Amino acid sequence: MREDHQDAVQRVDAARLWKRHMDMAQIGAIPGNGVNRAAFSAEDIRARHLLVSWARARNFSVSMDTIGNLFVRRPGLESDAPPVMSGSHMDSQPRGGRFDGMYGVLAALEALEAIDEAGVKTRRSIELVAWSNEEGGRFAPCTMGSAVYTGARSLDEIISVTDNEGIVLKDALAQTLAALPDARARAFNAPAAAYVEAHIEQGPLLEMQGKTVGVVTGIQGLRWFNIEVSGKTDHAGTTPLALRKDAFRAAVDIINALRELTHDPADVLRFTVGRVLVTPNSPNSVASHVLFSVDIRHPDVATIRGLGEAVEPLARKAAGVCEVKVTPTLHDDPCVFDTDVVNTIEQAANTLAVPNMRLPSGASHDANYMARVCPTGMIFVPCEKGVSHNEAENAKPEDLAAGARVLTATLLDLANR
């Protein structure tokens, strides 16, 4: 490793990085050390202002595109060369933790600051990006900012979606864009030389194996569906079972059929029903309507495609006398990260003597979309007991700093090619 690169890596400040996590965690703080910072909310805007204040204190430039993705740039010697990018997201689940997404944003900022303090000149500019609405907890679908930026979705097709309170994305987004009027305009899908995203693992493998860094090889594929079952409301005490069109009972039969479909003794496949809405939701009435979500994930493209195609016919068969509507809401094939970027991350970790292992990502990330437009990789650090999307989510300051050092070395390597 070059001497000036080594100097930059050593300037990664664990205390500064930790304090910034704690400062951000105050925005949208909820009991139990958790965070509720929904996309395009007042809390999201406050987090953006805080990030921008840190960036401008370093004289880094700030820009934003029309889906609200926020970019912080440290210029390189060749201003026209495609930059190397790094980042993640700042929005959270309704009962989220302090590190999911935010670590990738703050690790990228820490890398930029360490490189700046060391006075390292890079051929390419290095950009931090804070993607909009990765979680999808308020406005569906998830990974919205990176999908629109890379052209996987158009802004027009999602601009009219609403949250649970009936607020239209167009209006919430307009407030967010207006909150940073002096940010430069940024075009979608600007060329990038590479993208590297740091993130907590959100699983237990690194902690179980005693490794500090995960060198991520790719992201497993997923299929999301909303399944609606329509029946008829009747009195729970007087209507014989044979005469009922019980939407909830049909929904349970569908879910059990899907459980059988997705049974995997090797425990590689993931099947989740995370959301259920029942109408009329009364204890002494037969349900007339049930809407529930289905989330299926697997790293093999043929397996996930076959499972996705099987959902609707299986649901119709299991529904009995009730009517069924199956709506696909998200479709991502497995993603394999660029071999050179993966190797660069692994080499950086080995050079810095950071214990590491290769592993795939079970969760989806913005890196999944960036991998479609430029060489991409990810760096994982452990989270306590693998807990995430939960107030109890936790990480060690020394692990966060070690990941940021590996990220810094990786960005410097890629930015000088």
Protein backbone atom coordinates (compact mmCIF):
# COMPACT_ATOMS: atom_id res chain seq x y z
CA MET A 1 0.00 0.00 0.00
CA ARG A 2 1.30 3.47 -0.90
CA GLU A 3 2.55 5.51 2.03
CA ASP A 4 -0.01 8.30 1.52
CA HIS A 5 -2.81 5.74 1.24
CA GLN A 6 -1.65 4.16 4.48
CA ASP A 7 -1.69 7.60 6.10
CA ALA A 8 -5.29 8.13 5.00
CA VAL A 9 -6.38 4.75 6.32
CA GLN A 10 -4.79 5.48 9.69
CA ARG A 11 -6.68 8.78 9.90
CA VAL A 12 -10.04 6.99 10.08
CA ASP A 13 -11.27 8.19 13.46
CA ALA A 14 -13.29 5.59 15.37
CA ALA A 15 -14.49 8.10 17.96
CA ARG A 16 -15.66 10.60 15.31
CA LEU A 17 -17.43 7.88 13.36
CA TRP A 18 -19.20 6.60 16.48
CA LYS A 19 -20.23 10.08 17.62
CA ARG A 20 -21.77 10.80 14.25
CA HIS A 21 -23.81 7.63 14.48
CA MET A 22 -25.04 8.74 17.88
CA ASP A 23 -25.81 12.24 16.58
CA MET A 24 -27.83 10.82 13.71
CA ALA A 25 -29.59 8.41 16.07
CA GLN A 26 -31.09 11.37 17.92
CA ILE A 27 -33.07 12.23 14.80
CA GLY A 28 -36.21 10.10 14.96
CA ALA A 29 -35.11 8.41 18.19
CA ILE A 30 -37.58 5.94 19.72
CA PRO A 31 -37.41 3.96 23.00
CA GLY A 32 -34.96 1.09 23.17
CA ASN A 33 -32.18 2.89 21.24
CA GLY A 34 -34.16 2.58 18.04
CA VAL A 35 -34.90 4.99 15.20
CA ASN A 36 -38.02 5.83 13.20
CA ARG A 37 -36.81 8.00 10.32
CA ALA A 38 -39.18 7.48 7.40
CA ALA A 39 -38.23 8.52 3.88
CA PHE A 40 -39.12 12.11 2.94
CA SER A 41 -40.26 12.87 6.50
CA ALA A 42 -39.29 15.81 8.69
CA GLU A 43 -36.76 13.52 10.38
CA ASP A 44 -35.28 12.52 7.03
CA ILE A 45 -34.88 16.19 6.14
CA ARG A 46 -33.11 16.89 9.45
CA ALA A 47 -30.70 14.02 8.82
CA ARG A 48 -29.96 15.39 5.35
CA HIS A 49 -29.22 18.85 6.78
CA LEU A 50 -26.84 17.35 9.34
CA LEU A 51 -24.98 15.32 6.71
CA VAL A 52 -24.70 18.36 4.45
CA SER A 53 -23.36 20.49 7.32
CA TRP A 54 -20.54 17.99 7.90
CA ALA A 55 -19.78 17.82 4.19
CA ARG A 56 -19.67 21.57 3.68
CA ALA A 57 -17.40 21.99 6.70
CA ARG A 58 -14.86 20.14 4.54
CA ASN A 59 -15.72 22.17 1.44
CA PHE A 60 -17.07 19.09 -0.29
CA SER A 61 -19.66 19.89 -2.95
CA VAL A 62 -23.28 18.77 -2.54
CA SER A 63 -25.80 17.86 -5.24
CA MET A 64 -29.20 16.18 -5.39
CA ASP A 65 -31.31 14.58 -8.11
CA THR A 66 -35.09 14.76 -8.51
CA ILE A 67 -35.79 11.59 -6.49
CA GLY A 68 -33.86 13.16 -3.60
CA ASN A 69 -30.66 11.10 -3.78
CA LEU A 70 -27.98 13.22 -2.10
CA PHE A 71 -24.37 13.32 -3.36
CA VAL A 72 -21.23 14.62 -1.61
CA ARG A 73 -18.14 14.93 -3.80
CA ARG A 74 -14.42 15.22 -3.11
CA PRO A 75 -12.89 16.24 -6.44
CA GLY A 76 -10.18 14.29 -8.19
CA LEU A 77 -7.43 15.46 -10.50
CA GLU A 78 -9.42 14.47 -13.59
CA SER A 79 -12.79 16.15 -13.10
CA ASP A 80 -14.29 14.56 -16.20
CA ALA A 81 -13.38 11.00 -15.23
CA PRO A 82 -16.31 8.94 -13.87
CA PRO A 83 -16.12 8.99 -10.05
CA VAL A 84 -15.90 6.16 -7.58
CA MET A 85 -19.02 6.14 -5.41
CA SER A 86 -19.83 4.86 -1.94
CA GLY A 87 -22.82 5.18 0.36
CA SER A 88 -26.11 3.71 1.50
CA HIS A 89 -29.34 5.16 2.94
CA MET A 90 -30.50 7.23 5.92
CA ASP A 91 -34.18 6.22 6.15
CA SER A 92 -35.16 3.49 8.60
CA GLN A 93 -37.83 0.94 9.36
CA PRO A 94 -40.63 2.18 11.70
CA ARG A 95 -38.89 0.36 14.55
CA GLY A 96 -35.41 0.36 13.10
CA GLY A 97 -31.90 0.53 14.47
CA ARG A 98 -29.10 3.07 14.50
CA PHE A 99 -26.78 1.42 11.97
CA ASP A 100 -28.84 -0.05 9.13
CA GLY A 101 -28.02 2.11 6.10
CA MET A 102 -26.62 4.96 8.14
CA TYR A 103 -23.32 3.11 8.61
CA GLY A 104 -22.70 3.07 4.86
CA VAL A 105 -23.33 6.80 4.61
CA LEU A 106 -21.16 7.72 7.59
CA ALA A 107 -18.39 5.26 6.69
CA ALA A 108 -18.19 6.89 3.25
CA LEU A 109 -18.04 10.33 4.86
CA GLU A 110 -15.33 9.13 7.24
CA ALA A 111 -13.34 7.79 4.29
CA LEU A 112 -13.64 11.12 2.46
CA GLU A 113 -12.53 13.03 5.55
CA ALA A 114 -9.60 10.71 6.25
CA ILE A 115 -8.42 10.99 2.63
CA ASP A 116 -8.82 14.77 2.80
CA GLU A 117 -6.90 15.05 6.07
CA ALA A 118 -4.06 13.01 4.60
CA GLY A 119 -3.99 15.31 1.56
CA VAL A 120 -4.14 12.40 -0.85
CA LYS A 121 -4.78 13.39 -4.47
CA THR A 122 -6.86 10.89 -6.39
CA ARG A 123 -7.19 10.60 -10.14
CA ARG A 124 -10.96 10.18 -9.93
CA SER A 125 -13.37 12.09 -7.73
CA ILE A 126 -14.87 10.14 -4.86
CA GLU A 127 -18.56 10.62 -4.14
CA LEU A 128 -20.69 9.75 -1.14
CA VAL A 129 -24.31 9.00 -2.00
CA ALA A 130 -27.26 8.84 0.43
CA TRP A 131 -29.98 6.99 -1.45
CA SER A 132 -33.64 7.92 -0.98
CA ASN A 133 -36.22 5.51 0.41
CA GLU A 134 -34.22 2.29 0.53
CA GLU A 135 -36.44 0.76 3.18
CA GLY A 136 -39.83 1.27 1.52
CA GLY A 137 -41.44 1.42 4.95
CA ARG A 138 -43.44 4.54 4.13
CA PHE A 139 -43.60 4.58 0.33
CA ALA A 140 -43.40 1.31 -1.62
CA PRO A 141 -41.39 -0.08 -3.31
CA CYS A 142 -38.09 -0.22 -1.46
CA THR A 143 -34.69 0.78 -2.94
CA MET A 144 -36.61 3.49 -4.76
CA GLY A 145 -33.82 6.06 -5.07
CA SER A 146 -31.23 3.72 -6.56
CA ALA A 147 -33.80 2.07 -8.85
CA VAL A 148 -34.85 5.41 -10.33
CA TYR A 149 -31.27 6.69 -10.53
CA THR A 150 -30.08 3.67 -12.51
CA GLY A 151 -33.13 3.58 -14.79
CA ALA A 152 -34.57 0.34 -13.40
CA ARG A 153 -37.74 2.32 -12.60
CA SER A 154 -39.00 5.64 -13.88
CA LEU A 155 -39.90 8.48 -11.57
CA ASP A 156 -43.28 8.77 -13.27
CA GLU A 157 -44.30 5.24 -12.34
CA ILE A 158 -43.82 5.78 -8.59
CA ILE A 159 -44.49 9.50 -8.10
CA SER A 160 -48.19 9.00 -7.26
CA VAL A 161 -47.86 6.26 -4.62
CA THR A 162 -49.24 7.10 -1.18
CA ASP A 163 -48.30 6.25 2.40
CA ASN A 164 -50.70 4.87 5.03
CA GLU A 165 -51.94 8.39 5.79
CA GLY A 166 -52.76 9.11 2.17
CA ILE A 167 -49.81 11.48 1.62
CA VAL A 168 -48.68 11.37 -1.99
CA LEU A 169 -45.01 10.77 -2.69
CA LYS A 170 -44.95 13.71 -5.09
CA ASP A 171 -45.82 16.12 -2.26
CA ALA A 172 -43.45 14.62 0.33
CA LEU A 173 -40.64 14.58 -2.21
CA ALA A 174 -41.28 18.22 -3.13
CA GLN A 175 -40.84 19.22 0.52
CA THR A 176 -37.57 17.28 0.72
CA LEU A 177 -36.17 18.84 -2.45
CA ALA A 178 -37.18 22.33 -1.28
CA ALA A 179 -35.38 21.80 2.04
CA LEU A 180 -31.97 21.94 0.29
CA PRO A 181 -32.45 24.66 -2.32
CA ASP A 182 -28.72 25.33 -2.73
CA ALA A 183 -27.80 21.73 -3.61
CA ARG A 184 -26.65 21.48 -7.21
CA ALA A 185 -28.86 19.62 -9.66
CA ARG A 186 -27.74 16.08 -10.39
CA ALA A 187 -28.74 14.00 -13.44
CA PHE A 188 -29.82 10.38 -13.21
CA ASN A 189 -27.44 7.59 -14.22
CA ALA A 190 -24.29 9.71 -14.42
CA PRO A 191 -21.32 7.46 -15.30
CA ALA A 192 -19.53 5.83 -12.37
CA ALA A 193 -16.23 3.94 -12.35
CA ALA A 194 -17.26 1.78 -9.39
CA TYR A 195 -19.57 1.65 -6.39
CA VAL A 196 -18.76 0.19 -2.95
CA GLU A 197 -21.38 0.04 -0.19
CA ALA A 198 -20.55 -0.55 3.47
CA HIS A 199 -23.31 -2.00 5.66
CA ILE A 200 -23.91 -3.96 8.83
CA GLU A 201 -24.38 -7.62 7.95
CA GLN A 202 -27.96 -7.87 9.32
CA GLY A 203 -27.23 -11.53 9.99
CA PRO A 204 -25.12 -13.60 12.43
CA LEU A 205 -22.42 -15.18 10.22
CA LEU A 206 -19.55 -12.73 10.82
CA GLU A 207 -20.09 -12.74 14.58
CA MET A 208 -20.35 -16.56 14.63
CA GLN A 209 -17.12 -16.93 12.62
CA GLY A 210 -15.22 -14.27 14.56
CA LYS A 211 -14.63 -12.11 11.47
CA THR A 212 -14.55 -8.32 11.39
CA VAL A 213 -15.32 -7.76 7.71
CA GLY A 214 -17.49 -9.57 5.21
CA VAL A 215 -16.39 -9.41 1.57
CA VAL A 216 -19.77 -9.62 -0.12
CA THR A 217 -19.95 -11.68 -3.30
CA GLY A 218 -23.51 -10.79 -4.34
CA ILE A 219 -27.15 -10.44 -3.32
CA GLN A 220 -29.75 -13.18 -3.45
CA GLY A 221 -32.80 -12.82 -5.68
CA LEU A 222 -36.23 -12.00 -4.35
CA ARG A 223 -39.90 -11.96 -5.27
CA TRP A 224 -42.49 -9.87 -3.44
CA PHE A 225 -46.24 -10.24 -3.84
CA ASN A 226 -49.40 -8.84 -2.34
CA ILE A 227 -52.10 -11.52 -2.16
CA GLU A 228 -55.71 -10.44 -1.68
CA VAL A 229 -58.38 -12.97 -0.69
CA SER A 230 -62.05 -11.98 -1.02
CA GLY A 231 -64.87 -13.81 0.71
CA LYS A 232 -68.04 -12.81 2.58
CA THR A 233 -68.72 -11.40 6.04
CA ASP A 234 -71.02 -13.54 8.20
CA HIS A 235 -71.87 -13.97 11.85
CA ALA A 236 -69.25 -16.07 13.61
CA GLY A 237 -71.79 -17.80 15.86
CA THR A 238 -74.60 -18.64 13.47
CA THR A 239 -73.12 -19.35 10.03
CA PRO A 240 -72.27 -23.02 9.42
CA LEU A 241 -68.69 -23.62 8.31
CA ALA A 242 -69.85 -25.31 5.11
CA LEU A 243 -71.68 -22.15 4.02
CA ARG A 244 -68.89 -19.69 4.73
CA LYS A 245 -66.57 -17.87 2.37
CA ASP A 246 -63.99 -17.20 5.08
CA ALA A 247 -61.23 -15.07 3.58
CA PHE A 248 -58.94 -15.52 6.56
CA ARG A 249 -59.21 -19.30 6.56
CA ALA A 250 -58.45 -19.28 2.83
CA ALA A 251 -55.47 -17.00 3.45
CA VAL A 252 -54.12 -19.42 6.05
CA ASP A 253 -54.52 -22.30 3.58
CA ILE A 254 -52.61 -20.32 0.95
CA ILE A 255 -49.82 -19.48 3.39
CA ASN A 256 -49.54 -23.13 4.44
CA ALA A 257 -49.34 -24.17 0.79
CA LEU A 258 -46.59 -21.59 0.22
CA ARG A 259 -44.75 -22.91 3.27
CA GLU A 260 -44.76 -26.36 1.73
CA LEU A 261 -43.62 -24.96 -1.62
CA THR A 262 -40.70 -23.15 -0.01
CA HIS A 263 -39.63 -25.88 2.42
CA ASP A 264 -35.84 -26.17 2.27
CA PRO A 265 -33.97 -28.61 4.55
CA ALA A 266 -30.73 -26.76 3.79
CA ASP A 267 -32.27 -23.51 5.13
CA VAL A 268 -31.02 -21.44 2.19
CA LEU A 269 -34.43 -20.34 0.94
CA ARG A 270 -36.27 -17.56 2.78
CA PHE A 271 -40.08 -17.26 2.94
CA THR A 272 -41.82 -14.52 4.94
CA VAL A 273 -45.34 -13.22 5.43
CA GLY A 274 -44.71 -9.92 7.19
CA ARG A 275 -47.92 -7.95 6.68
CA VAL A 276 -51.57 -9.03 7.11
CA LEU A 277 -54.63 -6.78 6.88
CA VAL A 278 -58.00 -8.29 7.78
CA THR A 279 -61.49 -6.88 7.10
CA PRO A 280 -63.70 -6.30 9.05
CA ASN A 281 -61.16 -7.29 11.73
CA SER A 282 -63.86 -8.08 14.30
CA PRO A 283 -63.68 -11.02 16.74
CA ASN A 284 -67.20 -12.25 16.02
CA SER A 285 -67.33 -11.76 12.25
CA VAL A 286 -66.12 -13.98 9.44
CA ALA A 287 -63.43 -12.16 7.49
CA SER A 288 -64.54 -10.86 4.10
CA HIS A 289 -61.13 -9.68 2.87
CA VAL A 290 -57.49 -10.40 3.69
CA LEU A 291 -54.43 -8.81 2.17
CA PHE A 292 -51.03 -10.25 3.00
CA SER A 293 -47.49 -9.87 1.74
CA VAL A 294 -45.21 -12.63 0.50
CA ASP A 295 -41.41 -12.35 0.43
CA ILE A 296 -39.41 -15.20 -1.15
CA ARG A 297 -35.60 -15.11 -1.53
CA HIS A 298 -32.94 -17.46 -2.91
CA PRO A 299 -29.45 -16.97 -4.42
CA ASP A 300 -30.05 -19.23 -7.45
CA VAL A 301 -31.75 -17.55 -10.41
CA ALA A 302 -33.56 -20.66 -11.68
CA THR A 303 -34.87 -21.48 -8.21
CA ILE A 304 -36.22 -18.00 -7.48
CA ARG A 305 -37.81 -17.72 -10.91
CA GLY A 306 -39.53 -21.08 -10.55
CA LEU A 307 -40.84 -20.19 -7.11
CA GLY A 308 -42.10 -16.83 -8.32
CA GLU A 309 -44.01 -18.43 -11.19
CA ALA A 310 -45.61 -20.96 -8.83
CA VAL A 311 -47.12 -18.46 -6.39
CA GLU A 312 -50.26 -17.42 -8.26
CA PRO A 313 -51.49 -20.84 -9.44
CA LEU A 314 -50.82 -22.32 -6.01
CA ALA A 315 -52.71 -19.47 -4.30
CA ARG A 316 -55.74 -19.93 -6.56
CA LYS A 317 -55.79 -23.68 -5.94
CA ALA A 318 -55.56 -23.28 -2.15
CA ALA A 319 -58.17 -20.51 -1.89
CA GLY A 320 -61.16 -22.82 -2.25
CA VAL A 321 -64.44 -20.90 -2.64
CA CYS A 322 -62.80 -17.50 -2.13
CA GLU A 323 -61.50 -15.24 -4.87
CA VAL A 324 -57.80 -14.42 -5.10
CA LYS A 325 -55.81 -11.55 -6.61
CA VAL A 326 -52.01 -11.88 -6.77
CA THR A 327 -50.02 -8.70 -7.45
CA PRO A 328 -46.23 -8.89 -7.93
CA THR A 329 -44.64 -5.87 -6.19
CA LEU A 330 -40.90 -6.50 -6.54
CA HIS A 331 -38.80 -8.72 -8.79
CA ASP A 332 -35.01 -8.82 -8.45
CA ASP A 333 -32.89 -11.63 -9.83
CA PRO A 334 -29.75 -12.64 -7.90
CA CYS A 335 -26.88 -10.20 -8.29
CA VAL A 336 -23.22 -11.26 -8.59
CA PHE A 337 -20.74 -8.51 -7.75
CA ASP A 338 -17.81 -7.56 -9.95
CA THR A 339 -14.87 -9.94 -9.43
CA ASP A 340 -12.27 -7.19 -9.51
CA VAL A 341 -14.07 -5.04 -6.93
CA VAL A 342 -14.60 -8.07 -4.66
CA ASN A 343 -10.92 -8.95 -4.94
CA THR A 344 -9.90 -5.33 -4.23
CA ILE A 345 -11.96 -5.30 -1.04
CA GLU A 346 -10.51 -8.64 0.06
CA GLN A 347 -6.96 -7.50 -0.67
CA ALA A 348 -7.51 -4.29 1.32
CA ALA A 349 -8.77 -6.28 4.31
CA ASN A 350 -5.84 -8.69 4.12
CA THR A 351 -3.30 -5.88 3.77
CA LEU A 352 -4.75 -4.21 6.87
CA ALA A 353 -4.79 -7.57 8.73
CA VAL A 354 -8.56 -7.34 9.26
CA PRO A 355 -10.08 -10.82 9.74
CA ASN A 356 -12.49 -11.37 6.86
CA MET A 357 -14.57 -13.89 4.97
CA ARG A 358 -16.53 -14.00 1.73
CA LEU A 359 -20.30 -14.28 1.99
CA PRO A 360 -23.45 -13.42 0.02
CA SER A 361 -26.02 -10.87 1.19
CA GLY A 362 -29.41 -12.19 2.23
CA ALA A 363 -30.87 -8.68 2.32
CA SER A 364 -31.39 -6.46 -0.68
CA HIS A 365 -29.41 -3.22 -0.97
CA ASP A 366 -28.98 -0.24 -3.28
CA ALA A 367 -25.82 -1.99 -4.52
CA ASN A 368 -28.13 -4.41 -6.34
CA TYR A 369 -29.14 -1.64 -8.77
CA MET A 370 -25.72 -0.03 -9.01
CA ALA A 371 -24.29 -3.40 -10.05
CA ARG A 372 -26.34 -3.08 -13.25
CA VAL A 373 -24.52 0.08 -14.32
CA CYS A 374 -20.97 -0.14 -12.90
CA PRO A 375 -18.54 -2.52 -11.13
CA THR A 376 -19.91 -2.92 -7.60
CA GLY A 377 -19.09 -4.53 -4.27
CA MET A 378 -20.08 -4.42 -0.61
CA ILE A 379 -18.32 -4.50 2.75
CA PHE A 380 -20.14 -5.99 5.76
CA VAL A 381 -19.32 -5.53 9.44
CA PRO A 382 -20.88 -7.57 12.26
CA CYS A 383 -24.02 -6.60 14.13
CA GLU A 384 -24.76 -8.04 17.54
CA LYS A 385 -26.51 -11.44 17.30
CA GLY A 386 -27.38 -10.61 13.71
CA VAL A 387 -30.29 -8.43 14.85
CA SER A 388 -31.50 -5.73 12.44
CA HIS A 389 -34.76 -3.93 11.58
CA ASN A 390 -35.17 -3.81 15.34
CA GLU A 391 -34.48 -1.27 18.10
CA ALA A 392 -31.95 -3.70 19.62
CA GLU A 393 -29.71 -3.48 16.52
CA ASN A 394 -26.16 -2.86 17.71
CA ALA A 395 -22.57 -2.75 16.44
CA LYS A 396 -19.14 -2.25 18.02
CA PRO A 397 -17.27 1.04 17.40
CA GLU A 398 -14.07 -0.87 16.59
CA ASP A 399 -15.84 -2.97 13.95
CA LEU A 400 -17.38 0.10 12.33
CA ALA A 401 -13.95 1.74 12.19
CA ALA A 402 -12.28 -1.39 10.78
CA GLY A 403 -14.88 -1.53 7.99
CA ALA A 404 -14.33 2.17 7.28
CA ARG A 405 -10.57 1.58 6.99
CA VAL A 406 -11.10 -1.25 4.50
CA LEU A 407 -13.51 1.03 2.62
CA THR A 408 -10.97 3.86 2.58
CA ALA A 409 -8.22 1.62 1.18
CA THR A 410 -10.61 0.21 -1.42
CA LEU A 411 -11.82 3.64 -2.59
CA LEU A 412 -8.26 4.92 -2.89
CA ASP A 413 -7.27 1.94 -5.01
CA LEU A 414 -10.27 2.28 -7.32
CA ALA A 415 -10.03 6.08 -7.54
CA ASN A 416 -6.43 5.98 -8.75
CA ARG A 417 -6.96 3.58 -11.64
